[in-house]
Amino acid sequence: GGEGYEQSDTSAGNQDLNSMLDSMISRCDEGDSSGPAKFMCGACGKVMARRKDLRRHVEIHLDVSHPCGICPKVMKTRSSLAAHYSQYHKNEKVLCWKRQSVD
């Protein structure tokens, strides 16, 4: 987490989301196994060198939303919600984040 809010990645909801994200990522060495590993998004084919960066990207393809616990703003990714809290609510405490499906 960051200043002013807490996030629990150990909750069942986040574990399910993390598993879903991981299932959408595949390793692709593009014929050169001697170089650094590369990872590809199963939804759009985007390739990134770092799995954690691609994991953040893959979340945009899911039908999931992350509402702010303080204001009416709703974000598409957990990292966007974290940035929102840091920018707009850094002195306020949020106990948990809730994940909701987008209708």
PDB file of N, CA and C in Angstrom:
ATOM      1  N   GLY A   1       0.813  -1.191   0.000  1.00  0.00           N
ATOM      2  CA  GLY A   1       0.000   0.000   0.000  1.00  0.00           C
ATOM      3  C   GLY A   1       0.847   1.241   0.000  1.00  0.00           C
ATOM      4  N   GLY A   2       0.204   2.387   0.029  1.00  0.00           N
ATOM      5  CA  GLY A   2       0.899   3.663   0.063  1.00  0.00           C
ATOM      6  C   GLY A   2       0.386   4.482   1.206  1.00  0.00           C
ATOM      7  N   GLU A   3       0.843   5.689   1.308  1.00  0.00           N
ATOM      8  CA  GLU A   3       0.418   6.551   2.393  1.00  0.00           C
ATOM      9  C   GLU A   3      -1.056   6.860   2.277  1.00  0.00           C
ATOM     10  N   GLY A   4      -1.785   6.777   3.420  1.00  0.00           N
ATOM     11  CA  GLY A   4      -3.163   7.187   3.449  1.00  0.00           C
ATOM     12  C   GLY A   4      -4.181   6.126   3.070  1.00  0.00           C
ATOM     13  N   TYR A   5      -3.742   4.963   2.635  1.00  0.00           N
ATOM     14  CA  TYR A   5      -4.688   3.910   2.324  1.00  0.00           C
ATOM     15  C   TYR A   5      -4.008   2.571   2.493  1.00  0.00           C
ATOM     16  N   GLU A   6      -4.821   1.533   2.594  1.00  0.00           N
ATOM     17  CA  GLU A   6      -4.300   0.179   2.726  1.00  0.00           C
ATOM     18  C   GLU A   6      -4.899  -0.672   1.623  1.00  0.00           C
ATOM     19  N   GLN A   7      -4.119  -1.578   1.121  1.00  0.00           N
ATOM     20  CA  GLN A   7      -4.611  -2.521   0.131  1.00  0.00           C
ATOM     21  C   GLN A   7      -4.199  -3.907   0.585  1.00  0.00           C
ATOM     22  N   SER A   8      -5.082  -4.862   0.497  1.00  0.00           N
ATOM     23  CA  SER A   8      -4.772  -6.227   0.876  1.00  0.00           C
ATOM     24  C   SER A   8      -4.819  -7.118  -0.351  1.00  0.00           C
ATOM     25  N   ASP A   9      -3.659  -7.536  -0.836  1.00  0.00           N
ATOM     26  CA  ASP A   9      -3.615  -8.457  -1.970  1.00  0.00           C
ATOM     27  C   ASP A   9      -3.825  -9.899  -1.527  1.00  0.00           C
ATOM     28  N   THR A  10      -4.016 -10.128  -0.231  1.00  0.00           N
ATOM     29  CA  THR A  10      -4.212 -11.486   0.247  1.00  0.00           C
ATOM     30  C   THR A  10      -5.679 -11.861   0.327  1.00  0.00           C
ATOM     31  N   SER A  11      -6.599 -10.935   0.049  1.00  0.00           N
ATOM     32  CA  SER A  11      -8.026 -11.252   0.087  1.00  0.00           C
ATOM     33  C   SER A  11      -8.356 -12.237  -1.029  1.00  0.00           C
ATOM     34  N   ALA A  12      -9.437 -12.981  -0.820  1.00  0.00           N
ATOM     35  CA  ALA A  12      -9.838 -13.985  -1.816  1.00  0.00           C
ATOM     36  C   ALA A  12     -10.130 -13.334  -3.163  1.00  0.00           C
ATOM     37  N   GLY A  13     -10.772 -12.168  -3.165  1.00  0.00           N
ATOM     38  CA  GLY A  13     -11.076 -11.472  -4.411  1.00  0.00           C
ATOM     39  C   GLY A  13      -9.833 -11.109  -5.186  1.00  0.00           C
ATOM     40  N   ASN A  14      -8.817 -10.590  -4.506  1.00  0.00           N
ATOM     41  CA  ASN A  14      -7.576 -10.226  -5.180  1.00  0.00           C
ATOM     42  C   ASN A  14      -6.813 -11.457  -5.637  1.00  0.00           C
ATOM     43  N   GLN A  15      -6.880 -12.549  -4.881  1.00  0.00           N
ATOM     44  CA  GLN A  15      -6.213 -13.782  -5.313  1.00  0.00           C
ATOM     45  C   GLN A  15      -6.859 -14.298  -6.587  1.00  0.00           C
ATOM     46  N   ASP A  16      -8.205 -14.246  -6.654  1.00  0.00           N
ATOM     47  CA  ASP A  16      -8.901 -14.674  -7.870  1.00  0.00           C
ATOM     48  C   ASP A  16      -8.522 -13.786  -9.049  1.00  0.00           C
ATOM     49  N   LEU A  17      -8.496 -12.472  -8.823  1.00  0.00           N
ATOM     50  CA  LEU A  17      -8.128 -11.535  -9.881  1.00  0.00           C
ATOM     51  C   LEU A  17      -6.687 -11.764 -10.326  1.00  0.00           C
ATOM     52  N   ASN A  18      -5.783 -11.956  -9.376  1.00  0.00           N
ATOM     53  CA  ASN A  18      -4.383 -12.207  -9.718  1.00  0.00           C
ATOM     54  C   ASN A  18      -4.233 -13.488 -10.530  1.00  0.00           C
ATOM     55  N   SER A  19      -4.976 -14.530 -10.171  1.00  0.00           N
ATOM     56  CA  SER A  19      -4.927 -15.789 -10.936  1.00  0.00           C
ATOM     57  C   SER A  19      -5.430 -15.580 -12.357  1.00  0.00           C
ATOM     58  N   MET A  20      -6.503 -14.797 -12.496  1.00  0.00           N
ATOM     59  CA  MET A  20      -7.056 -14.510 -13.816  1.00  0.00           C
ATOM     60  C   MET A  20      -6.037 -13.735 -14.662  1.00  0.00           C
ATOM     61  N   LEU A  21      -5.397 -12.749 -14.040  1.00  0.00           N
ATOM     62  CA  LEU A  21      -4.386 -11.962 -14.768  1.00  0.00           C
ATOM     63  C   LEU A  21      -3.241 -12.857 -15.221  1.00  0.00           C
ATOM     64  N   ASP A  22      -2.762 -13.699 -14.323  1.00  0.00           N
ATOM     65  CA  ASP A  22      -1.647 -14.599 -14.669  1.00  0.00           C
ATOM     66  C   ASP A  22      -2.012 -15.546 -15.804  1.00  0.00           C
ATOM     67  N   SER A  23      -3.277 -15.970 -15.851  1.00  0.00           N
ATOM     68  CA  SER A  23      -3.692 -16.901 -16.908  1.00  0.00           C
ATOM     69  C   SER A  23      -3.715 -16.228 -18.283  1.00  0.00           C
ATOM     70  N   MET A  24      -3.726 -14.907 -18.310  1.00  0.00           N
ATOM     71  CA  MET A  24      -3.765 -14.162 -19.576  1.00  0.00           C
ATOM     72  C   MET A  24      -2.377 -13.764 -20.067  1.00  0.00           C
ATOM     73  N   ILE A  25      -1.338 -14.172 -19.339  1.00  0.00           N
ATOM     74  CA  ILE A  25       0.035 -13.814 -19.688  1.00  0.00           C
ATOM     75  C   ILE A  25       0.797 -15.065 -20.090  1.00  0.00           C
ATOM     76  N   SER A  26       1.510 -14.976 -21.200  1.00  0.00           N
ATOM     77  CA  SER A  26       2.354 -16.096 -21.599  1.00  0.00           C
ATOM     78  C   SER A  26       3.776 -15.595 -21.849  1.00  0.00           C
ATOM     79  N   ARG A  27       4.716 -16.476 -21.620  1.00  0.00           N
ATOM     80  CA  ARG A  27       6.123 -16.141 -21.862  1.00  0.00           C
ATOM     81  C   ARG A  27       6.397 -16.339 -23.347  1.00  0.00           C
ATOM     82  N   CYS A  28       7.077 -15.371 -23.943  1.00  0.00           N
ATOM     83  CA  CYS A  28       7.436 -15.519 -25.358  1.00  0.00           C
ATOM     84  C   CYS A  28       8.873 -15.056 -25.534  1.00  0.00           C
ATOM     85  N   ASP A  29       9.706 -15.962 -25.943  1.00  0.00           N
ATOM     86  CA  ASP A  29      11.121 -15.636 -26.128  1.00  0.00           C
ATOM     87  C   ASP A  29      11.435 -15.305 -27.575  1.00  0.00           C
ATOM     88  N   GLU A  30      10.434 -15.379 -28.434  1.00  0.00           N
ATOM     89  CA  GLU A  30      10.581 -15.032 -29.847  1.00  0.00           C
ATOM     90  C   GLU A  30      11.812 -15.673 -30.495  1.00  0.00           C
ATOM     91  N   GLY A  31      12.035 -16.954 -30.201  1.00  0.00           N
ATOM     92  CA  GLY A  31      13.111 -17.706 -30.832  1.00  0.00           C
ATOM     93  C   GLY A  31      14.494 -17.458 -30.258  1.00  0.00           C
ATOM     94  N   ASP A  32      14.619 -16.573 -29.268  1.00  0.00           N
ATOM     95  CA  ASP A  32      15.928 -16.267 -28.696  1.00  0.00           C
ATOM     96  C   ASP A  32      15.875 -16.478 -27.190  1.00  0.00           C
ATOM     97  N   SER A  33      16.196 -17.690 -26.769  1.00  0.00           N
ATOM     98  CA  SER A  33      16.138 -18.018 -25.343  1.00  0.00           C
ATOM     99  C   SER A  33      17.348 -17.486 -24.581  1.00  0.00           C
ATOM    100  N   SER A  34      18.344 -16.921 -25.282  1.00  0.00           N
ATOM    101  CA  SER A  34      19.533 -16.402 -24.598  1.00  0.00           C
ATOM    102  C   SER A  34      19.310 -14.995 -24.048  1.00  0.00           C
ATOM    103  N   GLY A  35      18.342 -14.272 -24.590  1.00  0.00           N
ATOM    104  CA  GLY A  35      18.055 -12.912 -24.135  1.00  0.00           C
ATOM    105  C   GLY A  35      17.115 -12.914 -22.945  1.00  0.00           C
ATOM    106  N   PRO A  36      16.777 -11.724 -22.466  1.00  0.00           N
ATOM    107  CA  PRO A  36      15.860 -11.640 -21.338  1.00  0.00           C
ATOM    108  C   PRO A  36      14.463 -12.135 -21.727  1.00  0.00           C
ATOM    109  N   ALA A  37      13.758 -12.683 -20.753  1.00  0.00           N
ATOM    110  CA  ALA A  37      12.417 -13.197 -21.001  1.00  0.00           C
ATOM    111  C   ALA A  37      11.485 -12.061 -21.401  1.00  0.00           C
ATOM    112  N   LYS A  38      10.542 -12.375 -22.249  1.00  0.00           N
ATOM    113  CA  LYS A  38       9.509 -11.426 -22.624  1.00  0.00           C
ATOM    114  C   LYS A  38       8.167 -12.081 -22.370  1.00  0.00           C
ATOM    115  N   PHE A  39       7.166 -11.251 -22.088  1.00  0.00           N
ATOM    116  CA  PHE A  39       5.846 -11.754 -21.757  1.00  0.00           C
ATOM    117  C   PHE A  39       4.813 -11.101 -22.661  1.00  0.00           C
ATOM    118  N   MET A  40       3.795 -11.893 -23.058  1.00  0.00           N
ATOM    119  CA  MET A  40       2.805 -11.410 -24.009  1.00  0.00           C
ATOM    120  C   MET A  40       1.402 -11.461 -23.413  1.00  0.00           C
ATOM    121  N   CYS A  41       0.629 -10.422 -23.686  1.00  0.00           N
ATOM    122  CA  CYS A  41      -0.773 -10.342 -23.294  1.00  0.00           C
ATOM    123  C   CYS A  41      -1.584 -11.268 -24.192  1.00  0.00           C
ATOM    124  N   GLY A  42      -2.342 -12.160 -23.584  1.00  0.00           N
ATOM    125  CA  GLY A  42      -3.162 -13.091 -24.342  1.00  0.00           C
ATOM    126  C   GLY A  42      -4.361 -12.434 -25.009  1.00  0.00           C
ATOM    127  N   ALA A  43      -4.722 -11.235 -24.581  1.00  0.00           N
ATOM    128  CA  ALA A  43      -5.883 -10.557 -25.140  1.00  0.00           C
ATOM    129  C   ALA A  43      -5.551  -9.727 -26.380  1.00  0.00           C
ATOM    130  N   CYS A  44      -4.415  -9.030 -26.360  1.00  0.00           N
ATOM    131  CA  CYS A  44      -4.108  -8.128 -27.485  1.00  0.00           C
ATOM    132  C   CYS A  44      -2.740  -8.370 -28.125  1.00  0.00           C
ATOM    133  N   GLY A  45      -1.909  -9.232 -27.530  1.00  0.00           N
ATOM    134  CA  GLY A  45      -0.611  -9.539 -28.110  1.00  0.00           C
ATOM    135  C   GLY A  45       0.513  -8.591 -27.721  1.00  0.00           C
ATOM    136  N   LYS A  46       0.232  -7.605 -26.880  1.00  0.00           N
ATOM    137  CA  LYS A  46       1.272  -6.668 -26.439  1.00  0.00           C
ATOM    138  C   LYS A  46       2.365  -7.441 -25.700  1.00  0.00           C
ATOM    139  N   VAL A  47       3.626  -7.092 -25.975  1.00  0.00           N
ATOM    140  CA  VAL A  47       4.771  -7.771 -25.363  1.00  0.00           C
ATOM    141  C   VAL A  47       5.514  -6.790 -24.467  1.00  0.00           C
ATOM    142  N   MET A  48       5.872  -7.251 -23.281  1.00  0.00           N
ATOM    143  CA  MET A  48       6.641  -6.440 -22.337  1.00  0.00           C
ATOM    144  C   MET A  48       7.739  -7.288 -21.724  1.00  0.00           C
ATOM    145  N   ALA A  49       8.797  -6.625 -21.304  1.00  0.00           N
ATOM    146  CA  ALA A  49       9.934  -7.328 -20.729  1.00  0.00           C
ATOM    147  C   ALA A  49       9.671  -7.766 -19.290  1.00  0.00           C
ATOM    148  N   ARG A  50       8.856  -7.012 -18.569  1.00  0.00           N
ATOM    149  CA  ARG A  50       8.625  -7.338 -17.158  1.00  0.00           C
ATOM    150  C   ARG A  50       7.202  -7.835 -16.942  1.00  0.00           C
ATOM    151  N   ARG A  51       7.108  -9.009 -16.336  1.00  0.00           N
ATOM    152  CA  ARG A  51       5.815  -9.643 -16.085  1.00  0.00           C
ATOM    153  C   ARG A  51       4.898  -8.731 -15.263  1.00  0.00           C
ATOM    154  N   LYS A  52       5.446  -8.045 -14.260  1.00  0.00           N
ATOM    155  CA  LYS A  52       4.603  -7.203 -13.399  1.00  0.00           C
ATOM    156  C   LYS A  52       3.985  -6.046 -14.180  1.00  0.00           C
ATOM    157  N   ASP A  53       4.703  -5.504 -15.160  1.00  0.00           N
ATOM    158  CA  ASP A  53       4.151  -4.437 -15.992  1.00  0.00           C
ATOM    159  C   ASP A  53       3.031  -4.968 -16.884  1.00  0.00           C
ATOM    160  N   LEU A  54       3.235  -6.149 -17.440  1.00  0.00           N
ATOM    161  CA  LEU A  54       2.214  -6.736 -18.296  1.00  0.00           C
ATOM    162  C   LEU A  54       1.001  -7.137 -17.470  1.00  0.00           C
ATOM    163  N   ARG A  55       1.205  -7.575 -16.253  1.00  0.00           N
ATOM    164  CA  ARG A  55       0.097  -7.941 -15.368  1.00  0.00           C
ATOM    165  C   ARG A  55      -0.805  -6.722 -15.127  1.00  0.00           C
ATOM    166  N   ARG A  56      -0.190  -5.574 -14.927  1.00  0.00           N
ATOM    167  CA  ARG A  56      -0.952  -4.330 -14.753  1.00  0.00           C
ATOM    168  C   ARG A  56      -1.721  -3.999 -16.039  1.00  0.00           C
ATOM    169  N   HIS A  57      -1.083  -4.194 -17.196  1.00  0.00           N
ATOM    170  CA  HIS A  57      -1.721  -3.935 -18.489  1.00  0.00           C
ATOM    171  C   HIS A  57      -2.912  -4.859 -18.722  1.00  0.00           C
ATOM    172  N   VAL A  58      -2.746  -6.148 -18.461  1.00  0.00           N
ATOM    173  CA  VAL A  58      -3.767  -7.149 -18.747  1.00  0.00           C
ATOM    174  C   VAL A  58      -5.078  -6.832 -18.026  1.00  0.00           C
ATOM    175  N   GLU A  59      -4.993  -6.178 -16.883  1.00  0.00           N
ATOM    176  CA  GLU A  59      -6.190  -5.862 -16.098  1.00  0.00           C
ATOM    177  C   GLU A  59      -7.187  -4.988 -16.883  1.00  0.00           C
ATOM    178  N   ILE A  60      -6.708  -4.210 -17.853  1.00  0.00           N
ATOM    179  CA  ILE A  60      -7.616  -3.356 -18.630  1.00  0.00           C
ATOM    180  C   ILE A  60      -8.564  -4.168 -19.500  1.00  0.00           C
ATOM    181  N   HIS A  61      -8.220  -5.420 -19.785  1.00  0.00           N
ATOM    182  CA  HIS A  61      -9.043  -6.264 -20.639  1.00  0.00           C
ATOM    183  C   HIS A  61     -10.169  -6.960 -19.874  1.00  0.00           C
ATOM    184  N   LEU A  62     -10.159  -6.893 -18.564  1.00  0.00           N
ATOM    185  CA  LEU A  62     -11.163  -7.582 -17.762  1.00  0.00           C
ATOM    186  C   LEU A  62     -12.377  -6.706 -17.507  1.00  0.00           C
ATOM    187  N   ASP A  63     -13.503  -7.338 -17.263  1.00  0.00           N
ATOM    188  CA  ASP A  63     -14.744  -6.631 -16.940  1.00  0.00           C
ATOM    189  C   ASP A  63     -14.802  -6.382 -15.434  1.00  0.00           C
ATOM    190  N   VAL A  64     -13.839  -5.638 -14.923  1.00  0.00           N
ATOM    191  CA  VAL A  64     -13.735  -5.389 -13.489  1.00  0.00           C
ATOM    192  C   VAL A  64     -13.586  -3.896 -13.265  1.00  0.00           C
ATOM    193  N   SER A  65     -14.189  -3.407 -12.192  1.00  0.00           N
ATOM    194  CA  SER A  65     -14.008  -2.006 -11.833  1.00  0.00           C
ATOM    195  C   SER A  65     -13.586  -1.922 -10.372  1.00  0.00           C
ATOM    196  N   HIS A  66     -12.920  -0.848 -10.032  1.00  0.00           N
ATOM    197  CA  HIS A  66     -12.413  -0.632  -8.683  1.00  0.00           C
ATOM    198  C   HIS A  66     -12.891   0.735  -8.206  1.00  0.00           C
ATOM    199  N   PRO A  67     -13.977   0.764  -7.425  1.00  0.00           N
ATOM    200  CA  PRO A  67     -14.512   2.055  -6.973  1.00  0.00           C
ATOM    201  C   PRO A  67     -13.677   2.649  -5.842  1.00  0.00           C
ATOM    202  N   CYS A  68     -13.587   3.947  -5.844  1.00  0.00           N
ATOM    203  CA  CYS A  68     -12.937   4.667  -4.753  1.00  0.00           C
ATOM    204  C   CYS A  68     -13.822   4.529  -3.515  1.00  0.00           C
ATOM    205  N   GLY A  69     -13.209   4.302  -2.376  1.00  0.00           N
ATOM    206  CA  GLY A  69     -13.949   4.176  -1.129  1.00  0.00           C
ATOM    207  C   GLY A  69     -14.316   5.513  -0.512  1.00  0.00           C
ATOM    208  N   ILE A  70     -13.921   6.616  -1.140  1.00  0.00           N
ATOM    209  CA  ILE A  70     -14.153   7.943  -0.578  1.00  0.00           C
ATOM    210  C   ILE A  70     -15.045   8.794  -1.478  1.00  0.00           C
ATOM    211  N   CYS A  71     -14.803   8.757  -2.783  1.00  0.00           N
ATOM    212  CA  CYS A  71     -15.583   9.570  -3.718  1.00  0.00           C
ATOM    213  C   CYS A  71     -16.232   8.655  -4.758  1.00  0.00           C
ATOM    214  N   PRO A  72     -17.051   9.183  -5.643  1.00  0.00           N
ATOM    215  CA  PRO A  72     -17.758   8.338  -6.617  1.00  0.00           C
ATOM    216  C   PRO A  72     -16.909   7.816  -7.785  1.00  0.00           C
ATOM    217  N   LYS A  73     -15.654   8.164  -7.851  1.00  0.00           N
ATOM    218  CA  LYS A  73     -14.782   7.764  -8.966  1.00  0.00           C
ATOM    219  C   LYS A  73     -14.615   6.236  -9.009  1.00  0.00           C
ATOM    220  N   VAL A  74     -14.618   5.670 -10.217  1.00  0.00           N
ATOM    221  CA  VAL A  74     -14.420   4.233 -10.428  1.00  0.00           C
ATOM    222  C   VAL A  74     -13.286   4.060 -11.429  1.00  0.00           C
ATOM    223  N   MET A  75     -12.341   3.184 -11.122  1.00  0.00           N
ATOM    224  CA  MET A  75     -11.171   2.963 -11.968  1.00  0.00           C
ATOM    225  C   MET A  75     -11.214   1.572 -12.594  1.00  0.00           C
ATOM    226  N   LYS A  76     -10.533   1.430 -13.716  1.00  0.00           N
ATOM    227  CA  LYS A  76     -10.468   0.158 -14.443  1.00  0.00           C
ATOM    228  C   LYS A  76      -9.402  -0.782 -13.867  1.00  0.00           C
ATOM    229  N   THR A  77      -8.351  -0.228 -13.262  1.00  0.00           N
ATOM    230  CA  THR A  77      -7.270  -1.064 -12.731  1.00  0.00           C
ATOM    231  C   THR A  77      -6.952  -0.685 -11.290  1.00  0.00           C
ATOM    232  N   ARG A  78      -6.356  -1.634 -10.574  1.00  0.00           N
ATOM    233  CA  ARG A  78      -5.934  -1.376  -9.193  1.00  0.00           C
ATOM    234  C   ARG A  78      -4.845  -0.322  -9.140  1.00  0.00           C
ATOM    235  N   SER A  79      -3.961  -0.311 -10.119  1.00  0.00           N
ATOM    236  CA  SER A  79      -2.885   0.691 -10.107  1.00  0.00           C
ATOM    237  C   SER A  79      -3.442   2.092 -10.347  1.00  0.00           C
ATOM    238  N   SER A  80      -4.482   2.206 -11.173  1.00  0.00           N
ATOM    239  CA  SER A  80      -5.125   3.512 -11.371  1.00  0.00           C
ATOM    240  C   SER A  80      -5.803   3.978 -10.093  1.00  0.00           C
ATOM    241  N   LEU A  81      -6.418   3.048  -9.367  1.00  0.00           N
ATOM    242  CA  LEU A  81      -7.058   3.404  -8.105  1.00  0.00           C
ATOM    243  C   LEU A  81      -6.013   3.837  -7.079  1.00  0.00           C
ATOM    244  N   ALA A  82      -4.885   3.153  -7.039  1.00  0.00           N
ATOM    245  CA  ALA A  82      -3.808   3.529  -6.116  1.00  0.00           C
ATOM    246  C   ALA A  82      -3.299   4.935  -6.430  1.00  0.00           C
ATOM    247  N   ALA A  83      -3.130   5.231  -7.710  1.00  0.00           N
ATOM    248  CA  ALA A  83      -2.676   6.572  -8.111  1.00  0.00           C
ATOM    249  C   ALA A  83      -3.728   7.619  -7.744  1.00  0.00           C
ATOM    250  N   HIS A  84      -5.000   7.285  -7.911  1.00  0.00           N
ATOM    251  CA  HIS A  84      -6.089   8.190  -7.547  1.00  0.00           C
ATOM    252  C   HIS A  84      -6.046   8.503  -6.051  1.00  0.00           C
ATOM    253  N   TYR A  85      -5.913   7.462  -5.223  1.00  0.00           N
ATOM    254  CA  TYR A  85      -5.829   7.672  -3.777  1.00  0.00           C
ATOM    255  C   TYR A  85      -4.637   8.560  -3.423  1.00  0.00           C
ATOM    256  N   SER A  86      -3.508   8.282  -4.027  1.00  0.00           N
ATOM    257  CA  SER A  86      -2.291   9.058  -3.734  1.00  0.00           C
ATOM    258  C   SER A  86      -2.445  10.520  -4.126  1.00  0.00           C
ATOM    259  N   GLN A  87      -3.117  10.770  -5.242  1.00  0.00           N
ATOM    260  CA  GLN A  87      -3.253  12.140  -5.727  1.00  0.00           C
ATOM    261  C   GLN A  87      -4.363  12.912  -5.025  1.00  0.00           C
ATOM    262  N   TYR A  88      -5.505  12.268  -4.807  1.00  0.00           N
ATOM    263  CA  TYR A  88      -6.675  12.999  -4.323  1.00  0.00           C
ATOM    264  C   TYR A  88      -7.045  12.757  -2.857  1.00  0.00           C
ATOM    265  N   HIS A  89      -6.628  11.620  -2.303  1.00  0.00           N
ATOM    266  CA  HIS A  89      -7.057  11.272  -0.947  1.00  0.00           C
ATOM    267  C   HIS A  89      -5.884  10.862  -0.063  1.00  0.00           C
ATOM    268  N   LYS A  90      -4.705  11.430  -0.269  1.00  0.00           N
ATOM    269  CA  LYS A  90      -3.520  10.942   0.436  1.00  0.00           C
ATOM    270  C   LYS A  90      -3.581  11.125   1.947  1.00  0.00           C
ATOM    271  N   ASN A  91      -4.406  12.019   2.445  1.00  0.00           N
ATOM    272  CA  ASN A  91      -4.508  12.222   3.890  1.00  0.00           C
ATOM    273  C   ASN A  91      -5.720  11.529   4.502  1.00  0.00           C
ATOM    274  N   GLU A  92      -6.429  10.733   3.698  1.00  0.00           N
ATOM    275  CA  GLU A  92      -7.612  10.026   4.185  1.00  0.00           C
ATOM    276  C   GLU A  92      -7.326   8.538   4.230  1.00  0.00           C
ATOM    277  N   LYS A  93      -7.958   7.835   5.136  1.00  0.00           N
ATOM    278  CA  LYS A  93      -7.710   6.411   5.319  1.00  0.00           C
ATOM    279  C   LYS A  93      -8.836   5.597   4.679  1.00  0.00           C
ATOM    280  N   VAL A  94      -8.482   4.641   3.839  1.00  0.00           N
ATOM    281  CA  VAL A  94      -9.433   3.720   3.234  1.00  0.00           C
ATOM    282  C   VAL A  94      -9.063   2.337   3.735  1.00  0.00           C
ATOM    283  N   LEU A  95     -10.014   1.634   4.314  1.00  0.00           N
ATOM    284  CA  LEU A  95      -9.707   0.350   4.920  1.00  0.00           C
ATOM    285  C   LEU A  95      -9.580  -0.786   3.922  1.00  0.00           C
ATOM    286  N   CYS A  96     -10.362  -0.757   2.852  1.00  0.00           N
ATOM    287  CA  CYS A  96     -10.252  -1.838   1.874  1.00  0.00           C
ATOM    288  C   CYS A  96     -10.717  -1.365   0.515  1.00  0.00           C
ATOM    289  N   TRP A  97     -10.321  -2.102  -0.489  1.00  0.00           N
ATOM    290  CA  TRP A  97     -10.775  -1.845  -1.844  1.00  0.00           C
ATOM    291  C   TRP A  97     -11.760  -2.938  -2.185  1.00  0.00           C
ATOM    292  N   LYS A  98     -12.809  -2.600  -2.889  1.00  0.00           N
ATOM    293  CA  LYS A  98     -13.790  -3.597  -3.311  1.00  0.00           C
ATOM    294  C   LYS A  98     -13.772  -3.674  -4.821  1.00  0.00           C
ATOM    295  N   ARG A  99     -13.874  -4.880  -5.330  1.00  0.00           N
ATOM    296  CA  ARG A  99     -13.867  -5.119  -6.769  1.00  0.00           C
ATOM    297  C   ARG A  99     -15.298  -5.408  -7.199  1.00  0.00           C
ATOM    298  N   GLN A 100     -15.722  -4.809  -8.303  1.00  0.00           N
ATOM    299  CA  GLN A 100     -17.066  -5.054  -8.809  1.00  0.00           C
ATOM    300  C   GLN A 100     -16.996  -5.334 -10.296  1.00  0.00           C
ATOM    301  N   SER A 101     -17.897  -6.209 -10.751  1.00  0.00           N
ATOM    302  CA  SER A 101     -17.986  -6.468 -12.186  1.00  0.00           C
ATOM    303  C   SER A 101     -18.689  -5.308 -12.858  1.00  0.00           C
ATOM    304  N   VAL A 102     -18.250  -4.996 -14.069  1.00  0.00           N
ATOM    305  CA  VAL A 102     -18.867  -3.933 -14.843  1.00  0.00           C
ATOM    306  C   VAL A 102     -20.033  -4.540 -15.611  1.00  0.00           C
ATOM    307  N   ASP A 103     -21.203  -3.906 -15.534  1.00  0.00           N
ATOM    308  CA  ASP A 103     -22.373  -4.421 -16.247  1.00  0.00           C
ATOM    309  C   ASP A 103     -22.362  -4.031 -17.699  1.00  0.00           C
TER     310      ASP A 103
END
